[in-house]
């Protein structure tokens, strides 16, 4: 009997399940590392290790015994740092070591993008409000953004409309940061989008662009996403060119990428950030396959094993979106959709939480539901709850 190829997967929460399942479908032996609490993928893994995804040195020691042929994750910056560490220490396919720094530390990312001649807002990094003032924070035009230098999921993000808000926002952002530092940057106007890509040996492919919906100021927590994004062909080509320049600047050569940006009313692209992983929130794992027919999770595994991604197109829908449960009203809307349009709901996940608690970041939302259909406007209306 032929020995199965082994893949180490970092993370086992609801958003990592598609990767664990896809690896199993393809006949790979799965070795999954994650905290046991919330590890819904534990039961579907061949081998599960209750080790935090941030304990990369410990995971490396396990991997020296496992001897995997690949390491992968989807939708998590923290997990991607560990994957990058493993691939470089084990000689597995992946990105160079500096990519993990460029794509996670927002201050270093901004510097790299500026060096590459790409638009960046004015920005500074500081470990305290006093340090930020010394670096010229007081001269920033209002509004501006303060956020942790190395976190995702809308944690510790605040829009500053009054300078008196800045000191508390710096404390909050530094408190969320692993490095205990925050970045302040000029606020960028415009509609927000995210771009899903796959790269192989430095060659990039743009798979899909997603339109984002957020709570807006001050925390900008994602409330929904929809594909297609509605941009013109000309603008999509401009986005593609910009994203590929970003990937080159950050040395992202292999695997998935997720680039967030804003497009101003006059068509100017303003870069927010890029991760060396597919988009979370079910964007990469569900929305991209639903609207393009591409097996994006499968592509992540292809590149993790050092293979060219498979661009086979399967049957797909005209549009798809995800909406998050932020409160009881959202849950009641979801329940009404189950009765009125059950055929549109692809899947759902509801957390057993107190729905009166207001989410403070993406990790504290109460669940989500996915919608797909062949009438783009109808899908948009369902996602926006503007009538069906």
Foldseek 3Di string as FASTA:
>chain_A
DDDAAEEEEEAQAPQFQLLLVVCVVVPHQYEYEDAPVRRPRCVSHNHYDNHHLQPLVVVLVVCVVVVHLFYFYFAALSNVLSRQVNCVVSVFFFFHNLLSVLFFQQVNVQVLCVVLVHDAFDKDKDLAPVVVVVVPPVVADPWKWKAARGDDQLQLIFTDRDVVCPRVSLCRRLVPYPVSMMMIGGDDDAFKKKWKWFAAQLDIDTQAMKGFDAPDHTRGATFKIKPPHPDDPVLVVVVVVSVSSSCVSSRGHGAMKMWMWGADPVGDIYTDGMHSHGHTPCVQCNFSCQQWQARRSQQRVQRRSNHHGDGDHDDHANMKMKGFAFAVVVVVLVVVCCVVPVVFWPDWDFAPDDRVDGDPGNVPTGIMIMGTHRDRVVNVCSRVVVDD
